[in-house]
Structures are given as structure tokens and as C-alpha cells.
Amino acid sequence: MPTWPESLPEVRPGGYQETPQNQVLRSEMETGPAKTRRRFTAGTRTIPVQYQLTDAELAVFEAFFDDEIAAGALSFSWPHPRTGQTVTAKILPPGYQIDPVGGGLWWLLSLTIEVQP
């Protein structure tokens, strides 16, 4: 399995948010309270992240994205920014977005990671 490039910096402070997948199925009844049950035992987590990269680091990321994970089609090992553990992840469509920062000295890479169960 491909591994997130170690040469890339950590997630940009303030560029992180984590949302667990809803694992509960809710069925409304004609009368009385709704019925709920757990749908599955392991759900995914969606994590929008941002990285501040140099030109060289952006080239490393783009090579990783295009060549090693087939434009986001393949899973990879990724260091979870909150837990520090290595997890299995995918980059969700549409892939990623880059924006110039600091007069073009840096690039802001934005993407959404899906942590697999």
C-alpha cells in the first residue's frame, strides 16, 4: 500500500476538521417515537485538511497523487493529525485544490481525506 510522503509538512494549524460517519438508521413510526438501530460497526471519518507547501513539496504531492494512488483511486497509509497513528485513507473526489499564498511563494493544498475503518 502506498504511504503518504514523509517529506510533506504536517497539516496546517486551523486547517483540520473531523466528522464521523452517521452509523444510526432512524425509522419514523406512524405513532410513537422513532425506532433507531446501528447500521454497521465501523464507519468512515471525513477529514478536510490543508497543507502549506513549497513548489518542491507540491511537486512531491502531485507525483504521489498521480502515480502512487492513481489520482485518488487507491488507499494509502496516512498519519492521522489528531491521534498520530497511521491509518488507511483515501482522497475524496474531486481530488484536491491548490491556491497561491504569500504572493506565490507558497501553495495552499486543500483536500478531503476519508479514513477507512
C-alpha atoms as a PDB file:
ATOM      1  CA  MET A   1       0.000   0.000   0.000  1.00  0.00           C
ATOM      2  CA  PRO A   2       1.346   3.467  -0.841  1.00  0.00           C
ATOM      3  CA  THR A   3       2.427   5.713   2.031  1.00  0.00           C
ATOM      4  CA  TRP A   4       1.884   9.468   2.425  1.00  0.00           C
ATOM      5  CA  PRO A   5       5.217  11.166   1.595  1.00  0.00           C
ATOM      6  CA  GLU A   6       7.209  11.778   4.802  1.00  0.00           C
ATOM      7  CA  SER A   7       8.812  14.861   3.251  1.00  0.00           C
ATOM      8  CA  LEU A   8       5.488  16.742   3.297  1.00  0.00           C
ATOM      9  CA  PRO A   9       4.737  19.009   6.286  1.00  0.00           C
ATOM     10  CA  GLU A  10       2.089  18.384   8.921  1.00  0.00           C
ATOM     11  CA  VAL A  11      -1.493  19.567   8.469  1.00  0.00           C
ATOM     12  CA  ARG A  12      -1.715  23.356   8.608  1.00  0.00           C
ATOM     13  CA  PRO A  13      -2.945  24.621  12.007  1.00  0.00           C
ATOM     14  CA  GLY A  14      -6.589  25.576  11.687  1.00  0.00           C
ATOM     15  CA  GLY A  15      -6.863  23.504   8.501  1.00  0.00           C
ATOM     16  CA  TYR A  16      -8.397  20.445  10.120  1.00  0.00           C
ATOM     17  CA  GLN A  17     -11.896  19.246  10.935  1.00  0.00           C
ATOM     18  CA  GLU A  18     -13.094  15.683  11.596  1.00  0.00           C
ATOM     19  CA  THR A  19     -16.593  14.270  11.054  1.00  0.00           C
ATOM     20  CA  PRO A  20     -17.517  10.644  11.837  1.00  0.00           C
ATOM     21  CA  GLN A  21     -19.967   8.898   9.539  1.00  0.00           C
ATOM     22  CA  ASN A  22     -23.521   8.515  10.864  1.00  0.00           C
ATOM     23  CA  GLN A  23     -23.906   4.868  11.891  1.00  0.00           C
ATOM     24  CA  VAL A  24     -27.535   5.006  13.029  1.00  0.00           C
ATOM     25  CA  LEU A  25     -30.578   4.170  10.921  1.00  0.00           C
ATOM     26  CA  ARG A  26     -33.718   6.021  12.056  1.00  0.00           C
ATOM     27  CA  SER A  27     -37.215   4.920  11.045  1.00  0.00           C
ATOM     28  CA  GLU A  28     -40.182   7.155  11.774  1.00  0.00           C
ATOM     29  CA  MET A  29     -43.318   5.381  13.052  1.00  0.00           C
ATOM     30  CA  GLU A  30     -46.927   6.406  12.378  1.00  0.00           C
ATOM     31  CA  THR A  31     -47.344   6.904  16.112  1.00  0.00           C
ATOM     32  CA  GLY A  32     -44.885   6.998  18.952  1.00  0.00           C
ATOM     33  CA  PRO A  33     -41.155   7.556  18.973  1.00  0.00           C
ATOM     34  CA  ALA A  34     -38.944   6.747  16.030  1.00  0.00           C
ATOM     35  CA  LYS A  35     -37.071   3.422  16.030  1.00  0.00           C
ATOM     36  CA  THR A  36     -33.290   3.521  15.772  1.00  0.00           C
ATOM     37  CA  ARG A  37     -30.633   0.879  15.269  1.00  0.00           C
ATOM     38  CA  ARG A  38     -26.966   0.771  14.493  1.00  0.00           C
ATOM     39  CA  ARG A  39     -26.364   0.293  10.779  1.00  0.00           C
ATOM     40  CA  PHE A  40     -22.796  -1.077  10.955  1.00  0.00           C
ATOM     41  CA  THR A  41     -19.992  -1.427  13.496  1.00  0.00           C
ATOM     42  CA  ALA A  42     -17.230   0.501  11.720  1.00  0.00           C
ATOM     43  CA  GLY A  43     -17.732   3.783   9.906  1.00  0.00           C
ATOM     44  CA  THR A  44     -15.500   6.120   7.970  1.00  0.00           C
ATOM     45  CA  ARG A  45     -14.348   9.570   9.102  1.00  0.00           C
ATOM     46  CA  THR A  46     -14.210  12.539   6.754  1.00  0.00           C
ATOM     47  CA  ILE A  47     -11.371  14.984   7.390  1.00  0.00           C
ATOM     48  CA  PRO A  48     -10.975  18.166   5.300  1.00  0.00           C
ATOM     49  CA  VAL A  49      -7.315  19.220   5.647  1.00  0.00           C
ATOM     50  CA  GLN A  50      -4.985  21.920   4.368  1.00  0.00           C
ATOM     51  CA  TYR A  51      -1.229  21.888   3.869  1.00  0.00           C
ATOM     52  CA  GLN A  52       1.037  24.862   3.167  1.00  0.00           C
ATOM     53  CA  LEU A  53       3.596  23.677   0.593  1.00  0.00           C
ATOM     54  CA  THR A  54       6.607  24.959  -1.299  1.00  0.00           C
ATOM     55  CA  ASP A  55       6.925  24.369  -5.058  1.00  0.00           C
ATOM     56  CA  ALA A  56       9.086  21.297  -4.400  1.00  0.00           C
ATOM     57  CA  GLU A  57       6.654  19.864  -1.827  1.00  0.00           C
ATOM     58  CA  LEU A  58       3.726  20.440  -4.195  1.00  0.00           C
ATOM     59  CA  ALA A  59       5.601  18.503  -6.899  1.00  0.00           C
ATOM     60  CA  VAL A  60       6.099  15.619  -4.420  1.00  0.00           C
ATOM     61  CA  PHE A  61       2.372  15.607  -3.587  1.00  0.00           C
ATOM     62  CA  GLU A  62       1.286  15.731  -7.233  1.00  0.00           C
ATOM     63  CA  ALA A  63       3.598  12.813  -8.123  1.00  0.00           C
ATOM     64  CA  PHE A  64       2.188  10.842  -5.172  1.00  0.00           C
ATOM     65  CA  PHE A  65      -1.402  11.645  -6.207  1.00  0.00           C
ATOM     66  CA  ASP A  66      -0.966  10.896  -9.919  1.00  0.00           C
ATOM     67  CA  ASP A  67       1.431   7.954  -9.805  1.00  0.00           C
ATOM     68  CA  GLU A  68       1.180   6.166  -6.454  1.00  0.00           C
ATOM     69  CA  ILE A  69      -2.536   6.443  -5.658  1.00  0.00           C
ATOM     70  CA  ALA A  70      -3.828   6.604  -9.237  1.00  0.00           C
ATOM     71  CA  ALA A  71      -5.421  10.070  -8.967  1.00  0.00           C
ATOM     72  CA  GLY A  72      -7.146   9.141  -5.715  1.00  0.00           C
ATOM     73  CA  ALA A  73      -8.441   5.697  -6.720  1.00  0.00           C
ATOM     74  CA  LEU A  74      -6.183   3.796  -4.298  1.00  0.00           C
ATOM     75  CA  SER A  75      -5.973   3.748  -0.497  1.00  0.00           C
ATOM     76  CA  PHE A  76      -2.781   4.780   1.255  1.00  0.00           C
ATOM     77  CA  SER A  77      -1.238   4.918   4.725  1.00  0.00           C
ATOM     78  CA  TRP A  78      -1.601   8.386   6.250  1.00  0.00           C
ATOM     79  CA  PRO A  79      -0.502   9.863   9.598  1.00  0.00           C
ATOM     80  CA  HIS A  80      -3.679  10.929  11.396  1.00  0.00           C
ATOM     81  CA  PRO A  81      -3.111  14.531  12.570  1.00  0.00           C
ATOM     82  CA  ARG A  82      -5.095  14.159  15.820  1.00  0.00           C
ATOM     83  CA  THR A  83      -4.079  10.683  17.011  1.00  0.00           C
ATOM     84  CA  GLY A  84      -0.640  10.378  15.409  1.00  0.00           C
ATOM     85  CA  GLN A  85      -1.499   6.815  14.358  1.00  0.00           C
ATOM     86  CA  THR A  86      -1.023   5.545  10.821  1.00  0.00           C
ATOM     87  CA  VAL A  87      -4.444   4.920   9.249  1.00  0.00           C
ATOM     88  CA  THR A  88      -5.753   3.696   5.906  1.00  0.00           C
ATOM     89  CA  ALA A  89      -7.155   6.619   3.922  1.00  0.00           C
ATOM     90  CA  LYS A  90      -8.411   7.799   0.541  1.00  0.00           C
ATOM     91  CA  ILE A  91      -8.646  11.257  -1.011  1.00  0.00           C
ATOM     92  CA  LEU A  92     -12.278  12.020  -1.829  1.00  0.00           C
ATOM     93  CA  PRO A  93     -13.359  13.470  -5.179  1.00  0.00           C
ATOM     94  CA  PRO A  94     -12.855  15.946  -6.710  1.00  0.00           C
ATOM     95  CA  GLY A  95      -9.296  15.344  -5.504  1.00  0.00           C
ATOM     96  CA  TYR A  96      -7.560  18.490  -4.372  1.00  0.00           C
ATOM     97  CA  GLN A  97      -7.346  22.236  -4.841  1.00  0.00           C
ATOM     98  CA  ILE A  98      -4.255  24.446  -4.796  1.00  0.00           C
ATOM     99  CA  ASP A  99      -4.205  28.179  -4.188  1.00  0.00           C
ATOM    100  CA  PRO A 100      -1.212  30.551  -4.210  1.00  0.00           C
ATOM    101  CA  VAL A 101      -0.302  32.073  -0.843  1.00  0.00           C
ATOM    102  CA  GLY A 102       2.110  34.867   0.049  1.00  0.00           C
ATOM    103  CA  GLY A 103       2.489  36.263  -3.432  1.00  0.00           C
ATOM    104  CA  GLY A 104       3.105  32.834  -4.950  1.00  0.00           C
ATOM    105  CA  LEU A 105       5.861  31.818  -2.506  1.00  0.00           C
ATOM    106  CA  TRP A 106       3.697  29.041  -1.040  1.00  0.00           C
ATOM    107  CA  TRP A 107       0.781  26.887  -2.119  1.00  0.00           C
ATOM    108  CA  LEU A 108      -2.257  26.083  -0.001  1.00  0.00           C
ATOM    109  CA  LEU A 109      -3.254  22.480  -0.731  1.00  0.00           C
ATOM    110  CA  SER A 110      -6.845  21.647   0.278  1.00  0.00           C
ATOM    111  CA  LEU A 111      -8.237  18.121   0.130  1.00  0.00           C
ATOM    112  CA  THR A 112     -10.679  15.853   1.934  1.00  0.00           C
ATOM    113  CA  ILE A 113      -9.373  12.633   3.435  1.00  0.00           C
ATOM    114  CA  GLU A 114     -11.656   9.680   4.187  1.00  0.00           C
ATOM    115  CA  VAL A 115     -10.251   7.486   6.949  1.00  0.00           C
ATOM    116  CA  GLN A 116     -11.240   3.877   6.268  1.00  0.00           C
ATOM    117  CA  PRO A 117     -12.423   1.557   9.094  1.00  0.00           C
END
